[in-house]
């Protein structure tokens, strides 16, 4: 349910907003990887969640650029 809501919110945003969201997600992923390397990260599953969110954002950007839904 949480993923469907996230995806629905992304579909309502413009391509510029999605690109900003993508940059934020990549920055968060970098920080999580850095914390993981220094053994400061408690919830390692957050890395895979952020990676999936990045993929969702990229997919919606591609759909909007091609005019799909």
C-alpha atoms as a PDB file:
ATOM      1  CA  UNK A   1       0.000   0.000   0.000  1.00  0.00           C
ATOM      2  CA  UNK A   2       2.779   2.430   0.831  1.00  0.00           C
ATOM      3  CA  UNK A   3       4.420   1.853  -2.556  1.00  0.00           C
ATOM      4  CA  UNK A   4       1.208   2.506  -4.472  1.00  0.00           C
ATOM      5  CA  UNK A   5       0.728   5.779  -2.630  1.00  0.00           C
ATOM      6  CA  UNK A   6       4.340   6.775  -3.327  1.00  0.00           C
ATOM      7  CA  UNK A   7       3.931   5.941  -7.015  1.00  0.00           C
ATOM      8  CA  UNK A   8       0.659   7.860  -7.245  1.00  0.00           C
ATOM      9  CA  UNK A   9       2.329  10.917  -5.713  1.00  0.00           C
ATOM     10  CA  UNK A  10       5.166  10.659  -8.220  1.00  0.00           C
ATOM     11  CA  UNK A  11       2.780  10.498 -11.168  1.00  0.00           C
ATOM     12  CA  UNK A  12       1.261  13.828 -10.118  1.00  0.00           C
ATOM     13  CA  UNK A  13       4.634  15.617 -10.240  1.00  0.00           C
ATOM     14  CA  UNK A  14       6.278  17.279 -13.219  1.00  0.00           C
ATOM     15  CA  UNK A  15       9.490  16.011 -14.788  1.00  0.00           C
ATOM     16  CA  UNK A  16      11.499  18.796 -13.108  1.00  0.00           C
ATOM     17  CA  UNK A  17      10.108  17.853  -9.703  1.00  0.00           C
ATOM     18  CA  UNK A  18      10.868  14.202 -10.401  1.00  0.00           C
ATOM     19  CA  UNK A  19      14.448  15.064 -11.301  1.00  0.00           C
ATOM     20  CA  UNK A  20      14.821  16.931  -7.996  1.00  0.00           C
ATOM     21  CA  UNK A  21      13.339  13.931  -6.187  1.00  0.00           C
ATOM     22  CA  UNK A  22      15.806  11.676  -8.015  1.00  0.00           C
ATOM     23  CA  UNK A  23      18.771  13.784  -6.915  1.00  0.00           C
ATOM     24  CA  UNK A  24      17.571  13.663  -3.301  1.00  0.00           C
ATOM     25  CA  UNK A  25      17.125   9.895  -3.450  1.00  0.00           C
ATOM     26  CA  UNK A  26      20.604   9.400  -4.909  1.00  0.00           C
ATOM     27  CA  UNK A  27      22.073  11.623  -2.202  1.00  0.00           C
ATOM     28  CA  UNK A  28      20.244   9.595   0.444  1.00  0.00           C
ATOM     29  CA  UNK A  29      21.552   6.355  -1.075  1.00  0.00           C
ATOM     30  CA  UNK A  30      25.102   7.709  -0.995  1.00  0.00           C
ATOM     31  CA  UNK A  31      24.732   8.650   2.670  1.00  0.00           C
ATOM     32  CA  UNK A  32      23.277   5.240   3.522  1.00  0.00           C
ATOM     33  CA  UNK A  33      26.136   3.458   1.771  1.00  0.00           C
ATOM     34  CA  UNK A  34      28.638   5.631   3.602  1.00  0.00           C
ATOM     35  CA  UNK A  35      26.979   4.868   6.960  1.00  0.00           C
ATOM     36  CA  UNK A  36      26.962   1.176   6.101  1.00  0.00           C
ATOM     37  CA  UNK A  37      30.679   1.236   5.299  1.00  0.00           C
ATOM     38  CA  UNK A  38      31.465   2.858   8.643  1.00  0.00           C
ATOM     39  CA  UNK A  39      29.167   0.456  10.540  1.00  0.00           C
ATOM     40  CA  UNK A  40      26.806   3.242  11.628  1.00  0.00           C
ATOM     41  CA  UNK A  41      23.743   2.009   9.732  1.00  0.00           C
ATOM     42  CA  UNK A  42      21.198   0.112  11.821  1.00  0.00           C
ATOM     43  CA  UNK A  43      18.520  -0.557   9.202  1.00  0.00           C
ATOM     44  CA  UNK A  44      20.330  -1.982   6.170  1.00  0.00           C
ATOM     45  CA  UNK A  45      17.066  -2.746   4.379  1.00  0.00           C
ATOM     46  CA  UNK A  46      16.657   1.000   3.854  1.00  0.00           C
ATOM     47  CA  UNK A  47      19.346   0.802   1.148  1.00  0.00           C
ATOM     48  CA  UNK A  48      17.251  -1.533  -0.991  1.00  0.00           C
ATOM     49  CA  UNK A  49      14.139   0.570  -0.370  1.00  0.00           C
ATOM     50  CA  UNK A  50      15.880   3.678  -1.637  1.00  0.00           C
ATOM     51  CA  UNK A  51      17.240   1.800  -4.657  1.00  0.00           C
ATOM     52  CA  UNK A  52      13.724   0.671  -5.552  1.00  0.00           C
ATOM     53  CA  UNK A  53      12.428   4.221  -5.123  1.00  0.00           C
ATOM     54  CA  UNK A  54      15.123   5.474  -7.494  1.00  0.00           C
ATOM     55  CA  UNK A  55      14.012   2.892 -10.054  1.00  0.00           C
ATOM     56  CA  UNK A  56      10.376   3.959  -9.622  1.00  0.00           C
ATOM     57  CA  UNK A  57      11.275   7.608 -10.136  1.00  0.00           C
ATOM     58  CA  UNK A  58      13.318   6.820 -13.256  1.00  0.00           C
ATOM     59  CA  UNK A  59      10.493   4.721 -14.665  1.00  0.00           C
ATOM     60  CA  UNK A  60       7.945   7.495 -14.226  1.00  0.00           C
ATOM     61  CA  UNK A  61      10.318  10.062 -15.748  1.00  0.00           C
ATOM     62  CA  UNK A  62      10.720   7.823 -18.795  1.00  0.00           C
ATOM     63  CA  UNK A  63       6.960   7.326 -19.064  1.00  0.00           C
ATOM     64  CA  UNK A  64       6.311  11.058 -18.930  1.00  0.00           C
ATOM     65  CA  UNK A  65       8.983  11.784 -21.530  1.00  0.00           C
ATOM     66  CA  UNK A  66       7.518   9.201 -23.904  1.00  0.00           C
ATOM     67  CA  UNK A  67       3.952  10.314 -23.189  1.00  0.00           C
ATOM     68  CA  UNK A  68       2.843   7.040 -21.661  1.00  0.00           C
ATOM     69  CA  UNK A  69       0.037   7.464 -19.108  1.00  0.00           C
END
